[in-house]
Amino acid sequence: MNFLEENYEKIKTIFFHELGHFIAYKNSTKEIEGFKIMDLQIQPCTECKNGFKGFIVPLLPPGYKNGAKMSTERLAHNFSNNYFGCLFQLLLTDSDEHLALCMQDYGQCDQKNLNTTLQSYGLLGKTSEIENHFYEFHKKLKKKNFDSLKNLNFEELFIEIDKDVRVKLESLDIQTTNFIKDFTTIYDKQLKELIAIIESK
């Protein structure tokens, strides 16, 4: 049994987390011409809960000002991206864990990013409303069918090199195209609701 086979379920859990971020990126950057995802990796991590961590490497187009002040819409995309890791991890592993607990555990870095952004934009007073938005969104999504994502061809997706697992992005794009296309309406609806929360007095 090789490294990938020995750790398959643990790696798949982290992959589902990163897949959530991937789906959020696909929806939040579709209007940014030239944006690409360069890499999606899963690596051993001794201090992490299940022994692995994952990350996505985005490539911003030339001239894109990543440090510029975000619009309300970009803020809503940012919050969605940070929550979608845990959200999809729980949905695709059929976990009953509360989204808040996942954010404190697997999503620690995501939660830290959220807290920093909320503070930077003077939105700490809206923390509970934003959290509840995603808790309710998670409940709604539990009623949806995610079999197309649960049953991806993982043999086609994963490459293991010296215990680092890389995801073949071309294959991931092909296998998730239909889901992401169908999910866009759901994503846009929650985004509109989130923008309303951010803009409310």
C-alpha atoms as a PDB file:
ATOM      1  CA  MET A   1       0.000   0.000   0.000  1.00  0.00           C
ATOM      2  CA  ASN A   2       1.496   3.337  -1.030  1.00  0.00           C
ATOM      3  CA  PHE A   3       1.345   6.677   0.803  1.00  0.00           C
ATOM      4  CA  LEU A   4      -1.728   7.882  -1.071  1.00  0.00           C
ATOM      5  CA  GLU A   5      -3.634   4.648  -0.440  1.00  0.00           C
ATOM      6  CA  GLU A   6      -2.694   4.615   3.267  1.00  0.00           C
ATOM      7  CA  ASN A   7      -3.961   8.153   3.811  1.00  0.00           C
ATOM      8  CA  TYR A   8      -6.728   8.251   1.221  1.00  0.00           C
ATOM      9  CA  GLU A   9      -9.664   9.223   3.491  1.00  0.00           C
ATOM     10  CA  LYS A  10      -7.681  11.900   5.336  1.00  0.00           C
ATOM     11  CA  ILE A  11      -6.419  13.372   2.075  1.00  0.00           C
ATOM     12  CA  LYS A  12      -9.916  13.291   0.593  1.00  0.00           C
ATOM     13  CA  THR A  13     -11.296  15.250   3.575  1.00  0.00           C
ATOM     14  CA  ILE A  14      -8.728  18.004   3.050  1.00  0.00           C
ATOM     15  CA  PHE A  15      -9.350  17.904  -0.687  1.00  0.00           C
ATOM     16  CA  PHE A  16     -13.075  18.496  -0.101  1.00  0.00           C
ATOM     17  CA  HIS A  17     -12.144  21.527   2.021  1.00  0.00           C
ATOM     18  CA  GLU A  18      -9.949  22.925  -0.749  1.00  0.00           C
ATOM     19  CA  LEU A  19     -12.623  22.055  -3.315  1.00  0.00           C
ATOM     20  CA  GLY A  20     -14.948  24.436  -1.463  1.00  0.00           C
ATOM     21  CA  HIS A  21     -12.393  27.203  -1.863  1.00  0.00           C
ATOM     22  CA  PHE A  22     -11.926  26.205  -5.510  1.00  0.00           C
ATOM     23  CA  ILE A  23     -15.679  26.506  -6.168  1.00  0.00           C
ATOM     24  CA  ALA A  24     -15.781  29.895  -4.427  1.00  0.00           C
ATOM     25  CA  TYR A  25     -12.816  31.099  -6.487  1.00  0.00           C
ATOM     26  CA  LYS A  26     -14.508  29.991  -9.697  1.00  0.00           C
ATOM     27  CA  ASN A  27     -17.595  32.027  -8.824  1.00  0.00           C
ATOM     28  CA  SER A  28     -15.861  35.039  -7.305  1.00  0.00           C
ATOM     29  CA  THR A  29     -13.283  35.583 -10.057  1.00  0.00           C
ATOM     30  CA  LYS A  30     -15.271  34.897 -13.214  1.00  0.00           C
ATOM     31  CA  GLU A  31     -15.329  38.626 -13.987  1.00  0.00           C
ATOM     32  CA  ILE A  32     -11.588  39.120 -13.334  1.00  0.00           C
ATOM     33  CA  GLU A  33      -9.999  38.585 -16.727  1.00  0.00           C
ATOM     34  CA  GLY A  34      -6.758  36.630 -16.560  1.00  0.00           C
ATOM     35  CA  PHE A  35      -7.279  35.155 -13.073  1.00  0.00           C
ATOM     36  CA  LYS A  36      -6.066  31.565 -12.769  1.00  0.00           C
ATOM     37  CA  ILE A  37      -5.597  28.917 -10.130  1.00  0.00           C
ATOM     38  CA  MET A  38      -2.006  27.745 -10.493  1.00  0.00           C
ATOM     39  CA  ASP A  39      -1.877  24.925  -7.971  1.00  0.00           C
ATOM     40  CA  LEU A  40      -3.867  22.927  -5.428  1.00  0.00           C
ATOM     41  CA  GLN A  41      -1.778  20.887  -3.015  1.00  0.00           C
ATOM     42  CA  ILE A  42      -2.255  18.708   0.060  1.00  0.00           C
ATOM     43  CA  GLN A  43       0.720  18.130   2.336  1.00  0.00           C
ATOM     44  CA  PRO A  44       1.511  16.294   5.582  1.00  0.00           C
ATOM     45  CA  CYS A  45       1.153  18.577   8.608  1.00  0.00           C
ATOM     46  CA  THR A  46       2.086  17.291  12.064  1.00  0.00           C
ATOM     47  CA  GLU A  47       0.211  20.053  13.929  1.00  0.00           C
ATOM     48  CA  CYS A  48      -2.979  19.721  11.859  1.00  0.00           C
ATOM     49  CA  LYS A  49      -5.990  17.754  13.120  1.00  0.00           C
ATOM     50  CA  ASN A  50      -5.907  14.871  10.658  1.00  0.00           C
ATOM     51  CA  GLY A  51      -2.221  15.168   9.743  1.00  0.00           C
ATOM     52  CA  PHE A  52      -2.660  17.093   6.493  1.00  0.00           C
ATOM     53  CA  LYS A  53      -3.152  20.632   5.238  1.00  0.00           C
ATOM     54  CA  GLY A  54      -4.187  21.982   1.863  1.00  0.00           C
ATOM     55  CA  PHE A  55      -3.772  25.207  -0.038  1.00  0.00           C
ATOM     56  CA  ILE A  56      -4.571  26.859  -3.348  1.00  0.00           C
ATOM     57  CA  VAL A  57      -2.108  29.068  -5.219  1.00  0.00           C
ATOM     58  CA  PRO A  58      -3.973  31.766  -7.191  1.00  0.00           C
ATOM     59  CA  LEU A  59      -2.352  33.738 -10.005  1.00  0.00           C
ATOM     60  CA  LEU A  60      -3.622  37.290 -10.235  1.00  0.00           C
ATOM     61  CA  PRO A  61      -3.584  39.001 -13.635  1.00  0.00           C
ATOM     62  CA  PRO A  62      -0.901  41.658 -14.297  1.00  0.00           C
ATOM     63  CA  GLY A  63      -1.910  45.014 -12.865  1.00  0.00           C
ATOM     64  CA  TYR A  64      -4.553  43.617 -10.511  1.00  0.00           C
ATOM     65  CA  LYS A  65      -4.364  45.566  -7.253  1.00  0.00           C
ATOM     66  CA  ASN A  66      -4.846  42.867  -4.629  1.00  0.00           C
ATOM     67  CA  GLY A  67      -4.099  45.285  -1.798  1.00  0.00           C
ATOM     68  CA  ALA A  68      -6.709  47.818  -2.908  1.00  0.00           C
ATOM     69  CA  LYS A  69      -9.730  48.524  -0.713  1.00  0.00           C
ATOM     70  CA  MET A  70     -12.395  45.955  -1.482  1.00  0.00           C
ATOM     71  CA  SER A  71     -15.862  46.905  -2.668  1.00  0.00           C
ATOM     72  CA  THR A  72     -18.876  45.513  -0.802  1.00  0.00           C
ATOM     73  CA  GLU A  73     -19.260  42.855  -3.495  1.00  0.00           C
ATOM     74  CA  ARG A  74     -15.583  41.826  -3.246  1.00  0.00           C
ATOM     75  CA  LEU A  75     -15.952  41.651   0.547  1.00  0.00           C
ATOM     76  CA  ALA A  76     -18.909  39.306   0.142  1.00  0.00           C
ATOM     77  CA  HIS A  77     -16.848  37.134  -2.223  1.00  0.00           C
ATOM     78  CA  ASN A  78     -13.989  37.168   0.301  1.00  0.00           C
ATOM     79  CA  PHE A  79     -16.237  36.019   3.154  1.00  0.00           C
ATOM     80  CA  SER A  80     -17.756  33.317   0.948  1.00  0.00           C
ATOM     81  CA  ASN A  81     -14.339  32.021  -0.032  1.00  0.00           C
ATOM     82  CA  ASN A  82     -13.264  31.729   3.601  1.00  0.00           C
ATOM     83  CA  TYR A  83     -16.440  29.883   4.645  1.00  0.00           C
ATOM     84  CA  PHE A  84     -16.728  27.609   1.627  1.00  0.00           C
ATOM     85  CA  GLY A  85     -13.784  25.405   2.647  1.00  0.00           C
ATOM     86  CA  CYS A  86     -15.462  24.131   5.804  1.00  0.00           C
ATOM     87  CA  LEU A  87     -18.914  24.338   4.266  1.00  0.00           C
ATOM     88  CA  PHE A  88     -18.114  21.921   1.460  1.00  0.00           C
ATOM     89  CA  GLN A  89     -15.919  19.740   3.664  1.00  0.00           C
ATOM     90  CA  LEU A  90     -18.894  19.093   5.951  1.00  0.00           C
ATOM     91  CA  LEU A  91     -21.352  18.617   3.081  1.00  0.00           C
ATOM     92  CA  LEU A  92     -19.161  16.192   1.142  1.00  0.00           C
ATOM     93  CA  THR A  93     -18.122  14.100   4.157  1.00  0.00           C
ATOM     94  CA  ASP A  94     -21.747  13.953   5.404  1.00  0.00           C
ATOM     95  CA  SER A  95     -20.607  15.405   8.723  1.00  0.00           C
ATOM     96  CA  ASP A  96     -23.079  16.614  11.360  1.00  0.00           C
ATOM     97  CA  GLU A  97     -20.444  18.921  12.854  1.00  0.00           C
ATOM     98  CA  HIS A  98     -21.524  22.550  13.167  1.00  0.00           C
ATOM     99  CA  LEU A  99     -19.905  24.919  10.693  1.00  0.00           C
ATOM    100  CA  ALA A 100     -18.598  27.047  13.577  1.00  0.00           C
ATOM    101  CA  LEU A 101     -16.621  24.113  15.001  1.00  0.00           C
ATOM    102  CA  CYS A 102     -15.033  23.357  11.648  1.00  0.00           C
ATOM    103  CA  MET A 103     -14.007  27.005  11.301  1.00  0.00           C
ATOM    104  CA  GLN A 104     -12.257  26.775  14.673  1.00  0.00           C
ATOM    105  CA  ASP A 105     -10.478  23.583  13.643  1.00  0.00           C
ATOM    106  CA  TYR A 106      -9.865  22.773   9.978  1.00  0.00           C
ATOM    107  CA  GLY A 107     -10.681  26.363   9.049  1.00  0.00           C
ATOM    108  CA  GLN A 108      -8.443  28.152  11.556  1.00  0.00           C
ATOM    109  CA  CYS A 109      -6.577  30.092   8.859  1.00  0.00           C
ATOM    110  CA  ASP A 110      -9.862  30.960   7.155  1.00  0.00           C
ATOM    111  CA  GLN A 111     -11.292  32.208  10.454  1.00  0.00           C
ATOM    112  CA  LYS A 112      -8.178  34.291  11.082  1.00  0.00           C
ATOM    113  CA  ASN A 113      -8.509  35.874   7.620  1.00  0.00           C
ATOM    114  CA  LEU A 114     -12.191  36.585   8.303  1.00  0.00           C
ATOM    115  CA  ASN A 115     -11.484  38.226  11.642  1.00  0.00           C
ATOM    116  CA  THR A 116      -8.755  40.407  10.132  1.00  0.00           C
ATOM    117  CA  THR A 117     -11.012  41.553   7.290  1.00  0.00           C
ATOM    118  CA  LEU A 118     -13.983  42.211   9.570  1.00  0.00           C
ATOM    119  CA  GLN A 119     -11.784  44.365  11.788  1.00  0.00           C
ATOM    120  CA  SER A 120     -10.096  46.183   8.892  1.00  0.00           C
ATOM    121  CA  TYR A 121     -13.441  47.166   7.365  1.00  0.00           C
ATOM    122  CA  GLY A 122     -15.175  48.089  10.624  1.00  0.00           C
ATOM    123  CA  LEU A 123     -17.583  45.167  10.382  1.00  0.00           C
ATOM    124  CA  LEU A 124     -16.989  43.437  13.729  1.00  0.00           C
ATOM    125  CA  GLY A 125     -20.482  44.503  14.783  1.00  0.00           C
ATOM    126  CA  LYS A 126     -21.910  42.436  11.938  1.00  0.00           C
ATOM    127  CA  THR A 127     -19.972  39.271  12.831  1.00  0.00           C
ATOM    128  CA  SER A 128     -23.017  37.416  14.179  1.00  0.00           C
ATOM    129  CA  GLU A 129     -25.191  38.323  11.186  1.00  0.00           C
ATOM    130  CA  ILE A 130     -22.527  37.165   8.746  1.00  0.00           C
ATOM    131  CA  GLU A 131     -21.945  33.948  10.686  1.00  0.00           C
ATOM    132  CA  ASN A 132     -25.680  33.227  10.798  1.00  0.00           C
ATOM    133  CA  HIS A 133     -25.934  33.846   7.066  1.00  0.00           C
ATOM    134  CA  PHE A 134     -23.493  31.011   6.412  1.00  0.00           C
ATOM    135  CA  TYR A 135     -24.985  28.747   9.093  1.00  0.00           C
ATOM    136  CA  GLU A 136     -28.390  29.068   7.407  1.00  0.00           C
ATOM    137  CA  PHE A 137     -26.842  28.654   3.959  1.00  0.00           C
ATOM    138  CA  HIS A 138     -25.205  25.433   5.171  1.00  0.00           C
ATOM    139  CA  LYS A 139     -28.599  24.117   6.364  1.00  0.00           C
ATOM    140  CA  LYS A 140     -30.159  24.881   2.972  1.00  0.00           C
ATOM    141  CA  LEU A 141     -27.345  23.170   1.099  1.00  0.00           C
ATOM    142  CA  LYS A 142     -27.779  19.999   3.175  1.00  0.00           C
ATOM    143  CA  LYS A 143     -30.988  19.436   1.217  1.00  0.00           C
ATOM    144  CA  LYS A 144     -29.151  19.532  -2.114  1.00  0.00           C
ATOM    145  CA  ASN A 145     -27.540  16.632  -3.962  1.00  0.00           C
ATOM    146  CA  PHE A 146     -23.749  16.672  -4.106  1.00  0.00           C
ATOM    147  CA  ASP A 147     -23.164  13.185  -5.508  1.00  0.00           C
ATOM    148  CA  SER A 148     -21.350  14.552  -8.560  1.00  0.00           C
ATOM    149  CA  LEU A 149     -18.666  15.970  -6.260  1.00  0.00           C
ATOM    150  CA  LYS A 150     -18.589  13.028  -3.858  1.00  0.00           C
ATOM    151  CA  ASN A 151     -18.039  10.675  -6.794  1.00  0.00           C
ATOM    152  CA  LEU A 152     -15.284  12.495  -8.648  1.00  0.00           C
ATOM    153  CA  ASN A 153     -12.675  10.267 -10.273  1.00  0.00           C
ATOM    154  CA  PHE A 154      -9.995  10.744  -7.622  1.00  0.00           C
ATOM    155  CA  GLU A 155      -7.541   8.451  -9.389  1.00  0.00           C
ATOM    156  CA  GLU A 156      -7.571  10.962 -12.234  1.00  0.00           C
ATOM    157  CA  LEU A 157      -7.151  13.908  -9.856  1.00  0.00           C
ATOM    158  CA  PHE A 158      -4.400  13.029  -7.378  1.00  0.00           C
ATOM    159  CA  ILE A 159      -0.659  12.854  -8.051  1.00  0.00           C
ATOM    160  CA  GLU A 160       1.630  12.019  -5.128  1.00  0.00           C
ATOM    161  CA  ILE A 161       5.262  13.172  -5.233  1.00  0.00           C
ATOM    162  CA  ASP A 162       7.364  12.609  -2.097  1.00  0.00           C
ATOM    163  CA  LYS A 163       4.256  12.679   0.130  1.00  0.00           C
ATOM    164  CA  ASP A 164       2.980  15.910  -1.437  1.00  0.00           C
ATOM    165  CA  VAL A 165      -0.349  15.400  -3.187  1.00  0.00           C
ATOM    166  CA  ARG A 166      -1.049  17.629  -6.157  1.00  0.00           C
ATOM    167  CA  VAL A 167      -4.392  17.933  -7.863  1.00  0.00           C
ATOM    168  CA  LYS A 168      -4.539  17.884 -11.656  1.00  0.00           C
ATOM    169  CA  LEU A 169      -6.346  21.164 -12.231  1.00  0.00           C
ATOM    170  CA  GLU A 170      -7.253  20.399 -15.845  1.00  0.00           C
ATOM    171  CA  SER A 171      -9.019  17.218 -14.749  1.00  0.00           C
ATOM    172  CA  LEU A 172     -10.659  19.020 -11.813  1.00  0.00           C
ATOM    173  CA  ASP A 173     -11.966  21.716 -14.162  1.00  0.00           C
ATOM    174  CA  ILE A 174     -13.455  19.106 -16.486  1.00  0.00           C
ATOM    175  CA  GLN A 175     -15.024  17.053 -13.694  1.00  0.00           C
ATOM    176  CA  THR A 176     -16.569  20.038 -11.870  1.00  0.00           C
ATOM    177  CA  THR A 177     -17.651  22.209 -14.816  1.00  0.00           C
ATOM    178  CA  ASN A 178     -21.301  21.134 -14.791  1.00  0.00           C
ATOM    179  CA  PHE A 179     -21.639  21.419 -11.013  1.00  0.00           C
ATOM    180  CA  ILE A 180     -20.107  24.897 -10.907  1.00  0.00           C
ATOM    181  CA  LYS A 181     -22.307  26.040 -13.783  1.00  0.00           C
ATOM    182  CA  ASP A 182     -25.447  24.775 -12.012  1.00  0.00           C
ATOM    183  CA  PHE A 183     -24.290  26.140  -8.635  1.00  0.00           C
ATOM    184  CA  THR A 184     -23.767  29.696  -9.910  1.00  0.00           C
ATOM    185  CA  THR A 185     -27.405  30.691  -9.323  1.00  0.00           C
ATOM    186  CA  ILE A 186     -27.255  29.430  -5.727  1.00  0.00           C
ATOM    187  CA  TYR A 187     -23.936  31.202  -5.146  1.00  0.00           C
ATOM    188  CA  ASP A 188     -25.175  34.486  -6.591  1.00  0.00           C
ATOM    189  CA  LYS A 189     -28.343  34.396  -4.468  1.00  0.00           C
ATOM    190  CA  GLN A 190     -26.416  33.956  -1.223  1.00  0.00           C
ATOM    191  CA  LEU A 191     -23.948  36.643  -2.352  1.00  0.00           C
ATOM    192  CA  LYS A 192     -26.780  39.129  -2.847  1.00  0.00           C
ATOM    193  CA  GLU A 193     -28.118  38.337   0.632  1.00  0.00           C
ATOM    194  CA  LEU A 194     -24.632  38.736   2.112  1.00  0.00           C
ATOM    195  CA  ILE A 195     -24.112  42.100   0.392  1.00  0.00           C
ATOM    196  CA  ALA A 196     -27.401  43.299   1.916  1.00  0.00           C
ATOM    197  CA  ILE A 197     -26.110  42.343   5.388  1.00  0.00           C
ATOM    198  CA  ILE A 198     -22.820  44.166   4.847  1.00  0.00           C
ATOM    199  CA  GLU A 199     -24.569  47.315   3.565  1.00  0.00           C
ATOM    200  CA  SER A 200     -27.319  47.395   6.202  1.00  0.00           C
ATOM    201  CA  LYS A 201     -27.128  50.155   8.822  1.00  0.00           C
END
